[in-house]
Amino acid sequence: MTLQSNKGAFDAIKARLCAQDVLGAATCLKTGYLDMAVPKRKTTPSKRGKRRSHDRLTQEKYIEDKDSGEMRRRHHIDMTTGMYRGRQVFEPKG
């Protein structure tokens, strides 16, 4: 089945969409056909992989606190003692 054999069906769909003003009258009058974004070439697996290379999830890294020995994230307050970089930031509740 070729494009030429379906030309009548495509024209009917195009006319119906233009009549319903789904595409906008200016688009139908100016071009006379449906404007659609279609890629010129298939994306290669290499290119796709390079694009996805930064999409992975990273595991949060924890360090052992020097003062309390508790595990905490770097550059974050130690919630058990309320200390950050050698300063008392807040008083712990417990």
C-alpha atoms as a PDB file:
ATOM      1  CA  MET A   1       0.000   0.000   0.000  1.00  0.00           C
ATOM      2  CA  THR A   2       1.588   3.252  -1.114  1.00  0.00           C
ATOM      3  CA  LEU A   3       1.086   6.853  -0.188  1.00  0.00           C
ATOM      4  CA  GLN A   4      -0.551   7.521  -3.540  1.00  0.00           C
ATOM      5  CA  SER A   5      -3.279   4.937  -2.897  1.00  0.00           C
ATOM      6  CA  ASN A   6      -4.091   6.560   0.464  1.00  0.00           C
ATOM      7  CA  LYS A   7      -3.951  10.119  -0.883  1.00  0.00           C
ATOM      8  CA  GLY A   8      -7.735  10.424  -0.890  1.00  0.00           C
ATOM      9  CA  ALA A   9      -7.966   9.262   2.728  1.00  0.00           C
ATOM     10  CA  PHE A  10      -5.257  11.711   3.818  1.00  0.00           C
ATOM     11  CA  ASP A  11      -6.976  14.572   1.989  1.00  0.00           C
ATOM     12  CA  ALA A  12     -10.274  13.740   3.691  1.00  0.00           C
ATOM     13  CA  ILE A  13      -8.676  13.727   7.138  1.00  0.00           C
ATOM     14  CA  LYS A  14      -6.857  16.977   6.372  1.00  0.00           C
ATOM     15  CA  ALA A  15     -10.042  18.644   5.161  1.00  0.00           C
ATOM     16  CA  ARG A  16     -11.954  17.495   8.262  1.00  0.00           C
ATOM     17  CA  LEU A  17      -9.274  18.841  10.616  1.00  0.00           C
ATOM     18  CA  CYS A  18      -9.096  22.162   8.763  1.00  0.00           C
ATOM     19  CA  ALA A  19     -12.890  22.459   8.805  1.00  0.00           C
ATOM     20  CA  GLN A  20     -12.974  21.861  12.575  1.00  0.00           C
ATOM     21  CA  ASP A  21     -10.158  24.441  12.940  1.00  0.00           C
ATOM     22  CA  VAL A  22      -8.125  21.946  14.968  1.00  0.00           C
ATOM     23  CA  LEU A  23      -4.939  22.972  13.203  1.00  0.00           C
ATOM     24  CA  GLY A  24      -5.810  26.631  12.849  1.00  0.00           C
ATOM     25  CA  ALA A  25      -7.111  28.159   9.663  1.00  0.00           C
ATOM     26  CA  ALA A  26      -3.827  29.951   8.928  1.00  0.00           C
ATOM     27  CA  THR A  27      -1.892  26.672   8.875  1.00  0.00           C
ATOM     28  CA  CYS A  28      -4.309  24.991   6.490  1.00  0.00           C
ATOM     29  CA  LEU A  29      -4.569  27.959   4.145  1.00  0.00           C
ATOM     30  CA  LYS A  30      -0.859  28.739   4.081  1.00  0.00           C
ATOM     31  CA  THR A  31       0.597  25.268   3.585  1.00  0.00           C
ATOM     32  CA  GLY A  32      -2.299  23.173   2.387  1.00  0.00           C
ATOM     33  CA  TYR A  33      -1.112  20.175   4.416  1.00  0.00           C
ATOM     34  CA  LEU A  34      -0.553  19.075   7.991  1.00  0.00           C
ATOM     35  CA  ASP A  35       2.627  20.455   9.563  1.00  0.00           C
ATOM     36  CA  MET A  36       4.110  17.881  11.904  1.00  0.00           C
ATOM     37  CA  ALA A  37       7.484  17.625  13.614  1.00  0.00           C
ATOM     38  CA  VAL A  38       9.133  14.494  12.280  1.00  0.00           C
ATOM     39  CA  PRO A  39      12.781  13.534  12.870  1.00  0.00           C
ATOM     40  CA  LYS A  40      14.913  13.303   9.750  1.00  0.00           C
ATOM     41  CA  ARG A  41      16.891  10.289  10.935  1.00  0.00           C
ATOM     42  CA  LYS A  42      16.495   7.471  13.422  1.00  0.00           C
ATOM     43  CA  THR A  43      18.367   8.101  16.681  1.00  0.00           C
ATOM     44  CA  THR A  44      21.253   5.652  16.930  1.00  0.00           C
ATOM     45  CA  PRO A  45      21.720   3.511  20.059  1.00  0.00           C
ATOM     46  CA  SER A  46      25.003   5.323  20.704  1.00  0.00           C
ATOM     47  CA  LYS A  47      23.396   8.775  20.618  1.00  0.00           C
ATOM     48  CA  ARG A  48      20.468   7.567  22.736  1.00  0.00           C
ATOM     49  CA  GLY A  49      22.860   6.111  25.300  1.00  0.00           C
ATOM     50  CA  LYS A  50      24.886   9.312  25.484  1.00  0.00           C
ATOM     51  CA  ARG A  51      21.709  11.287  26.123  1.00  0.00           C
ATOM     52  CA  ARG A  52      20.621   8.907  28.886  1.00  0.00           C
ATOM     53  CA  SER A  53      24.045   8.716  30.538  1.00  0.00           C
ATOM     54  CA  HIS A  54      23.151  11.409  33.087  1.00  0.00           C
ATOM     55  CA  ASP A  55      19.697  10.034  33.947  1.00  0.00           C
ATOM     56  CA  ARG A  56      20.925   7.498  36.488  1.00  0.00           C
ATOM     57  CA  LEU A  57      20.134   7.795  40.183  1.00  0.00           C
ATOM     58  CA  THR A  58      23.047   8.315  42.517  1.00  0.00           C
ATOM     59  CA  GLN A  59      23.271   6.862  45.971  1.00  0.00           C
ATOM     60  CA  GLU A  60      23.697   9.429  48.746  1.00  0.00           C
ATOM     61  CA  LYS A  61      27.152   9.338  50.267  1.00  0.00           C
ATOM     62  CA  TYR A  62      27.473   9.241  54.043  1.00  0.00           C
ATOM     63  CA  ILE A  63      30.507   9.868  56.226  1.00  0.00           C
ATOM     64  CA  GLU A  64      31.166   9.129  59.872  1.00  0.00           C
ATOM     65  CA  ASP A  65      30.985  12.274  62.005  1.00  0.00           C
ATOM     66  CA  LYS A  66      34.265  13.018  63.824  1.00  0.00           C
ATOM     67  CA  ASP A  67      32.626  14.104  67.092  1.00  0.00           C
ATOM     68  CA  SER A  68      29.636  11.814  67.535  1.00  0.00           C
ATOM     69  CA  GLY A  69      30.574   8.859  65.325  1.00  0.00           C
ATOM     70  CA  GLU A  70      27.114   8.975  63.704  1.00  0.00           C
ATOM     71  CA  MET A  71      26.658   8.616  59.965  1.00  0.00           C
ATOM     72  CA  ARG A  72      25.654  11.868  58.242  1.00  0.00           C
ATOM     73  CA  ARG A  73      25.739  13.424  54.793  1.00  0.00           C
ATOM     74  CA  ARG A  74      28.603  15.705  53.898  1.00  0.00           C
ATOM     75  CA  HIS A  75      27.935  19.460  54.285  1.00  0.00           C
ATOM     76  CA  HIS A  76      24.827  18.767  56.395  1.00  0.00           C
ATOM     77  CA  ILE A  77      24.075  19.383  60.067  1.00  0.00           C
ATOM     78  CA  ASP A  78      24.567  16.487  62.466  1.00  0.00           C
ATOM     79  CA  MET A  79      20.999  16.161  63.738  1.00  0.00           C
ATOM     80  CA  THR A  80      21.956  14.271  66.920  1.00  0.00           C
ATOM     81  CA  THR A  81      24.312  16.964  68.237  1.00  0.00           C
ATOM     82  CA  GLY A  82      23.184  20.058  66.296  1.00  0.00           C
ATOM     83  CA  MET A  83      26.750  20.792  65.186  1.00  0.00           C
ATOM     84  CA  TYR A  84      27.926  21.994  61.770  1.00  0.00           C
ATOM     85  CA  ARG A  85      31.585  22.724  60.977  1.00  0.00           C
ATOM     86  CA  GLY A  86      32.515  22.952  64.661  1.00  0.00           C
ATOM     87  CA  ARG A  87      29.712  25.352  65.572  1.00  0.00           C
ATOM     88  CA  GLN A  88      26.550  24.687  67.591  1.00  0.00           C
ATOM     89  CA  VAL A  89      23.778  25.522  65.103  1.00  0.00           C
ATOM     90  CA  PHE A  90      20.804  24.453  67.238  1.00  0.00           C
ATOM     91  CA  GLU A  91      20.123  22.661  70.495  1.00  0.00           C
ATOM     92  CA  PRO A  92      19.082  19.031  70.009  1.00  0.00           C
ATOM     93  CA  LYS A  93      15.679  18.091  71.468  1.00  0.00           C
ATOM     94  CA  GLY A  94      16.761  14.991  73.333  1.00  0.00           C
END
